[in-house]
C-alpha atoms as a PDB file:
ATOM      1  CA  MET A   1     -28.006   1.357  11.173  1.00  0.00           C
ATOM      2  CA  SER A   2     -24.943   3.240   9.984  1.00  0.00           C
ATOM      3  CA  ALA A   3     -22.100   3.823  12.415  1.00  0.00           C
ATOM      4  CA  ASP A   4     -22.286   7.579  12.136  1.00  0.00           C
ATOM      5  CA  GLN A   5     -25.819   7.763  13.542  1.00  0.00           C
ATOM      6  CA  PRO A   6     -25.916   9.550  16.920  1.00  0.00           C
ATOM      7  CA  THR A   7     -26.251   7.428  20.051  1.00  0.00           C
ATOM      8  CA  VAL A   8     -28.691   8.498  22.760  1.00  0.00           C
ATOM      9  CA  LEU A   9     -28.431   6.964  26.228  1.00  0.00           C
ATOM     10  CA  VAL A  10     -31.861   6.643  27.859  1.00  0.00           C
ATOM     11  CA  VAL A  11     -31.682   6.471  31.668  1.00  0.00           C
ATOM     12  CA  GLU A  12     -35.130   5.630  33.039  1.00  0.00           C
ATOM     13  CA  ASP A  13     -36.101   3.131  35.752  1.00  0.00           C
ATOM     14  CA  GLU A  14     -39.702   2.683  34.582  1.00  0.00           C
ATOM     15  CA  PRO A  15     -39.705   0.013  31.826  1.00  0.00           C
ATOM     16  CA  SER A  16     -42.729   1.438  29.985  1.00  0.00           C
ATOM     17  CA  GLN A  17     -41.232   4.953  29.874  1.00  0.00           C
ATOM     18  CA  ARG A  18     -37.865   3.557  28.811  1.00  0.00           C
ATOM     19  CA  GLU A  19     -39.450   1.633  25.942  1.00  0.00           C
ATOM     20  CA  VAL A  20     -41.557   4.583  24.739  1.00  0.00           C
ATOM     21  CA  LEU A  21     -38.482   6.809  24.622  1.00  0.00           C
ATOM     22  CA  SER A  22     -36.379   4.118  22.927  1.00  0.00           C
ATOM     23  CA  TYR A  23     -39.067   3.421  20.323  1.00  0.00           C
ATOM     24  CA  ASN A  24     -39.432   7.083  19.384  1.00  0.00           C
ATOM     25  CA  LEU A  25     -35.684   7.707  19.277  1.00  0.00           C
ATOM     26  CA  GLU A  26     -35.118   4.675  17.033  1.00  0.00           C
ATOM     27  CA  ALA A  27     -37.973   5.860  14.800  1.00  0.00           C
ATOM     28  CA  GLU A  28     -36.053   9.146  14.443  1.00  0.00           C
ATOM     29  CA  GLY A  29     -33.002   7.181  13.288  1.00  0.00           C
ATOM     30  CA  PHE A  30     -30.959   7.281  16.487  1.00  0.00           C
ATOM     31  CA  ARG A  31     -29.062   4.400  18.037  1.00  0.00           C
ATOM     32  CA  VAL A  32     -30.275   3.828  21.612  1.00  0.00           C
ATOM     33  CA  ALA A  33     -28.476   2.579  24.707  1.00  0.00           C
ATOM     34  CA  ARG A  34     -30.539   1.907  27.835  1.00  0.00           C
ATOM     35  CA  ALA A  35     -29.886   2.106  31.579  1.00  0.00           C
ATOM     36  CA  GLU A  36     -32.339   1.554  34.414  1.00  0.00           C
ATOM     37  CA  ASP A  37     -30.342   3.043  37.283  1.00  0.00           C
ATOM     38  CA  GLY A  38     -27.677   5.627  37.976  1.00  0.00           C
ATOM     39  CA  GLU A  39     -24.755   3.214  38.371  1.00  0.00           C
ATOM     40  CA  SER A  40     -25.463   1.616  34.982  1.00  0.00           C
ATOM     41  CA  ALA A  41     -25.812   5.067  33.451  1.00  0.00           C
ATOM     42  CA  LEU A  42     -22.334   6.117  34.590  1.00  0.00           C
ATOM     43  CA  LEU A  43     -20.813   2.896  33.245  1.00  0.00           C
ATOM     44  CA  LEU A  44     -22.615   3.122  29.893  1.00  0.00           C
ATOM     45  CA  ALA A  45     -21.726   6.793  29.478  1.00  0.00           C
ATOM     46  CA  GLU A  46     -18.078   5.711  29.565  1.00  0.00           C
ATOM     47  CA  GLU A  47     -18.464   2.531  27.495  1.00  0.00           C
ATOM     48  CA  GLU A  48     -20.894   3.752  24.817  1.00  0.00           C
ATOM     49  CA  GLN A  49     -19.657   7.336  24.498  1.00  0.00           C
ATOM     50  CA  PRO A  50     -23.186   8.530  23.611  1.00  0.00           C
ATOM     51  CA  ASP A  51     -23.863  11.826  21.880  1.00  0.00           C
ATOM     52  CA  LEU A  52     -26.674  12.787  24.285  1.00  0.00           C
ATOM     53  CA  ILE A  53     -28.272  11.493  27.494  1.00  0.00           C
ATOM     54  CA  LEU A  54     -31.951  11.542  28.458  1.00  0.00           C
ATOM     55  CA  LEU A  55     -31.726  11.318  32.240  1.00  0.00           C
ATOM     56  CA  ASP A  56     -34.575  10.724  34.689  1.00  0.00           C
ATOM     57  CA  TRP A  57     -34.224  12.570  37.997  1.00  0.00           C
ATOM     58  CA  MET A  58     -35.760   9.849  40.213  1.00  0.00           C
ATOM     59  CA  LEU A  59     -33.526   6.787  39.929  1.00  0.00           C
ATOM     60  CA  PRO A  60     -32.778   4.001  42.429  1.00  0.00           C
ATOM     61  CA  ASN A  61     -29.499   4.149  44.368  1.00  0.00           C
ATOM     62  CA  VAL A  62     -27.782   6.996  42.491  1.00  0.00           C
ATOM     63  CA  SER A  63     -30.130   9.855  41.600  1.00  0.00           C
ATOM     64  CA  GLY A  64     -30.235  11.534  38.204  1.00  0.00           C
ATOM     65  CA  ILE A  65     -28.929  14.731  39.801  1.00  0.00           C
ATOM     66  CA  GLU A  66     -25.877  12.880  41.130  1.00  0.00           C
ATOM     67  CA  VAL A  67     -25.330  11.134  37.781  1.00  0.00           C
ATOM     68  CA  CYS A  68     -25.405  14.502  36.040  1.00  0.00           C
ATOM     69  CA  ARG A  69     -23.005  16.015  38.580  1.00  0.00           C
ATOM     70  CA  GLN A  70     -20.499  13.178  38.095  1.00  0.00           C
ATOM     71  CA  LEU A  71     -20.756  13.295  34.298  1.00  0.00           C
ATOM     72  CA  LYS A  72     -20.031  17.021  34.263  1.00  0.00           C
ATOM     73  CA  MET A  73     -16.969  16.494  36.486  1.00  0.00           C
ATOM     74  CA  ARG A  74     -15.388  13.933  34.147  1.00  0.00           C
ATOM     75  CA  PRO A  75     -13.219  15.372  31.351  1.00  0.00           C
ATOM     76  CA  ASP A  76     -14.452  12.794  28.827  1.00  0.00           C
ATOM     77  CA  THR A  77     -18.174  13.441  29.465  1.00  0.00           C
ATOM     78  CA  ARG A  78     -18.130  17.095  30.550  1.00  0.00           C
ATOM     79  CA  ASN A  79     -19.448  18.358  27.216  1.00  0.00           C
ATOM     80  CA  LEU A  80     -22.006  15.591  26.745  1.00  0.00           C
ATOM     81  CA  PRO A  81     -25.510  17.120  26.467  1.00  0.00           C
ATOM     82  CA  VAL A  82     -27.831  15.980  29.265  1.00  0.00           C
ATOM     83  CA  ILE A  83     -31.598  16.473  29.093  1.00  0.00           C
ATOM     84  CA  MET A  84     -33.098  15.978  32.562  1.00  0.00           C
ATOM     85  CA  LEU A  85     -36.562  14.401  32.743  1.00  0.00           C
ATOM     86  CA  SER A  86     -38.515  14.992  35.942  1.00  0.00           C
ATOM     87  CA  ALA A  87     -41.980  15.138  37.444  1.00  0.00           C
ATOM     88  CA  ARG A  88     -40.684  18.012  39.600  1.00  0.00           C
ATOM     89  CA  SER A  89     -42.093  21.158  38.041  1.00  0.00           C
ATOM     90  CA  GLU A  90     -41.228  23.757  40.666  1.00  0.00           C
ATOM     91  CA  GLU A  91     -38.827  26.510  39.645  1.00  0.00           C
ATOM     92  CA  VAL A  92     -36.405  25.583  42.439  1.00  0.00           C
ATOM     93  CA  ASP A  93     -36.131  22.046  41.006  1.00  0.00           C
ATOM     94  CA  ARG A  94     -35.540  23.319  37.477  1.00  0.00           C
ATOM     95  CA  VAL A  95     -32.837  25.653  38.762  1.00  0.00           C
ATOM     96  CA  ARG A  96     -31.198  22.844  40.755  1.00  0.00           C
ATOM     97  CA  GLY A  97     -31.193  20.566  37.720  1.00  0.00           C
ATOM     98  CA  LEU A  98     -29.677  23.194  35.455  1.00  0.00           C
ATOM     99  CA  GLU A  99     -27.124  24.314  38.050  1.00  0.00           C
ATOM    100  CA  THR A 100     -25.992  20.705  38.420  1.00  0.00           C
ATOM    101  CA  GLY A 101     -25.050  20.828  34.756  1.00  0.00           C
ATOM    102  CA  ALA A 102     -28.101  19.629  32.851  1.00  0.00           C
ATOM    103  CA  ASP A 103     -28.333  21.283  29.434  1.00  0.00           C
ATOM    104  CA  ASP A 104     -32.127  21.108  29.373  1.00  0.00           C
ATOM    105  CA  TYR A 105     -34.964  20.280  31.773  1.00  0.00           C
ATOM    106  CA  VAL A 106     -38.217  18.656  30.645  1.00  0.00           C
ATOM    107  CA  VAL A 107     -41.162  18.187  33.014  1.00  0.00           C
ATOM    108  CA  LYS A 108     -43.247  15.003  32.979  1.00  0.00           C
ATOM    109  CA  PRO A 109     -45.698  14.381  31.448  1.00  0.00           C
ATOM    110  CA  TYR A 110     -44.055  15.707  28.311  1.00  0.00           C
ATOM    111  CA  SER A 111     -44.867  15.827  24.628  1.00  0.00           C
ATOM    112  CA  VAL A 112     -42.780  13.182  22.847  1.00  0.00           C
ATOM    113  CA  ALA A 113     -42.707  15.336  19.711  1.00  0.00           C
ATOM    114  CA  GLU A 114     -41.340  18.302  21.689  1.00  0.00           C
ATOM    115  CA  LEU A 115     -38.759  16.106  23.420  1.00  0.00           C
ATOM    116  CA  MET A 116     -37.543  14.737  20.067  1.00  0.00           C
ATOM    117  CA  ALA A 117     -37.264  18.328  18.805  1.00  0.00           C
ATOM    118  CA  ARG A 118     -35.116  19.206  21.829  1.00  0.00           C
ATOM    119  CA  VAL A 119     -32.918  16.158  21.213  1.00  0.00           C
ATOM    120  CA  ARG A 120     -32.370  17.227  17.604  1.00  0.00           C
ATOM    121  CA  ALA A 121     -31.652  20.817  18.689  1.00  0.00           C
ATOM    122  CA  HIS A 122     -28.880  19.711  21.075  1.00  0.00           C
ATOM    123  CA  LEU A 123     -27.425  17.335  18.497  1.00  0.00           C
ATOM    124  CA  ARG A 124     -27.265  20.179  15.973  1.00  0.00           C
ATOM    125  CA  ARG A 125     -24.724  21.707  18.333  1.00  0.00           C
ATOM    126  CA  THR A 126     -22.698  18.583  19.131  1.00  0.00           C
ATOM    127  CA  ARG A 127     -23.169  16.367  16.029  1.00  0.00           C
ATOM    128  CA  PRO A 128     -24.199  18.775  13.260  1.00  0.00           C
ATOM    129  CA  SER A 129     -23.415  16.413  10.390  1.00  0.00           C
ATOM    130  CA  SER A 130     -25.765  13.786  11.802  1.00  0.00           C
ATOM    131  CA  VAL A 131     -28.777  16.083  11.424  1.00  0.00           C
ATOM    132  CA  GLY A 132     -28.026  17.256   7.904  1.00  0.00           C
ATOM    133  CA  GLN A 133     -26.126  20.466   8.566  1.00  0.00           C
ATOM    134  CA  VAL A 134     -23.364  21.854   6.367  1.00  0.00           C
ATOM    135  CA  LEU A 135     -19.903  21.938   7.966  1.00  0.00           C
ATOM    136  CA  ASP A 136     -17.134  24.351   6.985  1.00  0.00           C
ATOM    137  CA  TYR A 137     -13.458  24.304   7.888  1.00  0.00           C
ATOM    138  CA  GLU A 138     -11.207  26.807   6.093  1.00  0.00           C
ATOM    139  CA  ASP A 139     -11.743  26.037   2.374  1.00  0.00           C
ATOM    140  CA  ILE A 140     -13.399  22.636   2.955  1.00  0.00           C
ATOM    141  CA  ARG A 141     -17.190  22.293   2.915  1.00  0.00           C
ATOM    142  CA  LEU A 142     -19.095  19.115   3.801  1.00  0.00           C
ATOM    143  CA  ASP A 143     -22.823  18.800   3.126  1.00  0.00           C
ATOM    144  CA  SER A 144     -24.081  15.736   4.970  1.00  0.00           C
ATOM    145  CA  GLU A 145     -27.521  15.901   3.365  1.00  0.00           C
ATOM    146  CA  THR A 146     -26.307  15.806  -0.247  1.00  0.00           C
ATOM    147  CA  HIS A 147     -23.155  13.830   0.686  1.00  0.00           C
ATOM    148  CA  ARG A 148     -21.038  16.378  -1.160  1.00  0.00           C
ATOM    149  CA  VAL A 149     -17.580  17.633  -0.222  1.00  0.00           C
ATOM    150  CA  THR A 150     -15.803  20.550  -1.857  1.00  0.00           C
ATOM    151  CA  ARG A 151     -12.441  22.206  -1.313  1.00  0.00           C
ATOM    152  CA  ASP A 152     -11.904  25.695  -2.609  1.00  0.00           C
ATOM    153  CA  GLY A 153     -15.111  25.208  -4.611  1.00  0.00           C
ATOM    154  CA  GLN A 154     -13.954  22.024  -6.342  1.00  0.00           C
ATOM    155  CA  ASP A 155     -15.793  18.739  -5.829  1.00  0.00           C
ATOM    156  CA  LEU A 156     -13.959  15.936  -4.056  1.00  0.00           C
ATOM    157  CA  LYS A 157     -14.741  12.251  -4.452  1.00  0.00           C
ATOM    158  CA  LEU A 158     -14.818  10.510  -1.075  1.00  0.00           C
ATOM    159  CA  GLY A 159     -15.866   6.982  -0.211  1.00  0.00           C
ATOM    160  CA  PRO A 160     -18.476   6.535   2.553  1.00  0.00           C
ATOM    161  CA  THR A 161     -15.853   5.744   5.197  1.00  0.00           C
ATOM    162  CA  GLU A 162     -13.677   8.729   4.261  1.00  0.00           C
ATOM    163  CA  PHE A 163     -16.801  10.916   4.304  1.00  0.00           C
ATOM    164  CA  ARG A 164     -17.668   9.818   7.862  1.00  0.00           C
ATOM    165  CA  LEU A 165     -14.061  10.329   8.957  1.00  0.00           C
ATOM    166  CA  LEU A 166     -14.019  13.855   7.573  1.00  0.00           C
ATOM    167  CA  ALA A 167     -17.387  14.654   9.181  1.00  0.00           C
ATOM    168  CA  THR A 168     -16.040  13.471  12.539  1.00  0.00           C
ATOM    169  CA  PHE A 169     -12.959  15.682  12.222  1.00  0.00           C
ATOM    170  CA  MET A 170     -14.937  18.715  11.003  1.00  0.00           C
ATOM    171  CA  GLU A 171     -17.393  18.544  13.884  1.00  0.00           C
ATOM    172  CA  LYS A 172     -14.542  19.089  16.341  1.00  0.00           C
ATOM    173  CA  PRO A 173     -11.576  20.774  14.622  1.00  0.00           C
ATOM    174  CA  GLY A 174      -8.406  20.544  16.677  1.00  0.00           C
ATOM    175  CA  ARG A 175      -9.572  17.559  18.736  1.00  0.00           C
ATOM    176  CA  VAL A 176      -7.196  14.597  18.675  1.00  0.00           C
ATOM    177  CA  TRP A 177      -9.009  11.328  17.968  1.00  0.00           C
ATOM    178  CA  SER A 178      -7.341   8.026  18.828  1.00  0.00           C
ATOM    179  CA  ARG A 179      -7.616   5.142  16.370  1.00  0.00           C
ATOM    180  CA  GLU A 180      -9.941   3.320  18.791  1.00  0.00           C
ATOM    181  CA  GLN A 181     -12.240   6.348  19.075  1.00  0.00           C
ATOM    182  CA  LEU A 182     -12.384   6.682  15.294  1.00  0.00           C
ATOM    183  CA  LEU A 183     -13.193   2.980  14.963  1.00  0.00           C
ATOM    184  CA  ASP A 184     -16.123   3.361  17.390  1.00  0.00           C
ATOM    185  CA  ARG A 185     -17.404   6.545  15.771  1.00  0.00           C
ATOM    186  CA  VAL A 186     -16.948   5.697  12.089  1.00  0.00           C
ATOM    187  CA  TRP A 187     -17.099   1.913  11.827  1.00  0.00           C
ATOM    188  CA  GLY A 188     -19.298   1.194  14.860  1.00  0.00           C
ATOM    189  CA  ARG A 189     -18.820  -0.704  18.101  1.00  0.00           C
ATOM    190  CA  ASP A 190     -20.279  -3.959  16.814  1.00  0.00           C
ATOM    191  CA  ILE A 191     -17.798  -4.343  13.957  1.00  0.00           C
ATOM    192  CA  TYR A 192     -14.298  -5.704  14.454  1.00  0.00           C
ATOM    193  CA  VAL A 193     -11.770  -3.782  12.385  1.00  0.00           C
ATOM    194  CA  ASP A 194      -8.017  -3.687  12.910  1.00  0.00           C
ATOM    195  CA  THR A 195      -6.746  -0.275  14.020  1.00  0.00           C
ATOM    196  CA  ARG A 196      -4.362  -0.262  11.032  1.00  0.00           C
ATOM    197  CA  THR A 197      -7.448   0.049   8.846  1.00  0.00           C
ATOM    198  CA  VAL A 198      -7.876   3.558  10.259  1.00  0.00           C
ATOM    199  CA  ASP A 199      -4.425   4.519   8.950  1.00  0.00           C
ATOM    200  CA  VAL A 200      -5.319   3.221   5.482  1.00  0.00           C
ATOM    201  CA  HIS A 201      -8.502   5.291   5.299  1.00  0.00           C
ATOM    202  CA  ILE A 202      -6.767   8.362   6.736  1.00  0.00           C
ATOM    203  CA  GLY A 203      -4.269   8.013   3.882  1.00  0.00           C
ATOM    204  CA  ARG A 204      -7.112   7.843   1.347  1.00  0.00           C
ATOM    205  CA  LEU A 205      -8.788  10.866   2.914  1.00  0.00           C
ATOM    206  CA  ARG A 206      -5.565  12.876   2.775  1.00  0.00           C
ATOM    207  CA  LYS A 207      -5.107  11.982  -0.892  1.00  0.00           C
ATOM    208  CA  ALA A 208      -8.680  12.998  -1.726  1.00  0.00           C
ATOM    209  CA  LEU A 209      -8.404  16.304   0.166  1.00  0.00           C
ATOM    210  CA  CYS A 210      -5.199  17.272  -1.633  1.00  0.00           C
ATOM    211  CA  ILE A 211      -6.028  15.990  -5.117  1.00  0.00           C
ATOM    212  CA  HIS A 212      -6.463  19.553  -6.468  1.00  0.00           C
ATOM    213  CA  GLY A 213      -3.563  20.940  -4.456  1.00  0.00           C
ATOM    214  CA  GLY A 214      -3.460  22.641  -1.090  1.00  0.00           C
ATOM    215  CA  ASP A 215      -1.838  21.687   2.188  1.00  0.00           C
ATOM    216  CA  ASP A 216      -2.761  18.520   4.073  1.00  0.00           C
ATOM    217  CA  PRO A 217      -5.187  19.705   6.777  1.00  0.00           C
ATOM    218  CA  LEU A 218      -4.909  16.481   8.804  1.00  0.00           C
ATOM    219  CA  ARG A 219      -2.381  16.258  11.586  1.00  0.00           C
ATOM    220  CA  THR A 220      -0.809  13.058  12.911  1.00  0.00           C
ATOM    221  CA  VAL A 221      -0.187  13.224  16.658  1.00  0.00           C
ATOM    222  CA  ARG A 222       2.462  10.650  17.509  1.00  0.00           C
ATOM    223  CA  GLY A 223       1.207   8.122  20.054  1.00  0.00           C
ATOM    224  CA  ALA A 224      -2.222   9.753  20.214  1.00  0.00           C
ATOM    225  CA  GLY A 225      -4.019   9.717  16.859  1.00  0.00           C
ATOM    226  CA  TYR A 226      -5.219  12.251  14.287  1.00  0.00           C
ATOM    227  CA  ALA A 227      -6.717  15.723  14.252  1.00  0.00           C
ATOM    228  CA  LEU A 228      -7.990  18.294  11.779  1.00  0.00           C
ATOM    229  CA  GLY A 229      -5.926  21.453  12.061  1.00  0.00           C
END
């Protein structure tokens, strides 16, 4: 699976439910991380840096509500979409889940097809390039479905790594990405690549973006990493 595929963290203590969710998410092309309790979920949210979390309310030790509360308090996971899964269907429970910070609330038993649609809808907001959307930043346009990049209407030739780098930057203009974060996002966690490799590909991306003229839109932040704009 390519490194730029979104990662979904499934937090569910029932093995059968966890496997059903994982199977359907992988069939949709997502990378899946799994946790069976709240403590593991909090650790994996930090280690895996997922793009979305499917979070069961009823978990051993640390409840889903408490996991959600802690995730929304952390600066690095505050904007991470959380879809709460619960057998609690009363309005007061839905309100409590959403007020804790959950971005969506799905009552069990649920339609898998509807849940996958909700996952895709949230990812369109947080990882638009991963679900085929067109990204625009000033005069740069990136079409992830046709794998085409233009600047001021002129086609640019980008290698696959430079394309994924640009998509990462264009999804969050202004955000500073460290070399380690870019390695995880673009190359993948399971591949060992020296951080200097990031600098090489950033250089290639800059060259490609400016081949027809125009200012360099990438910004080097000393001691921190790179940003678009």
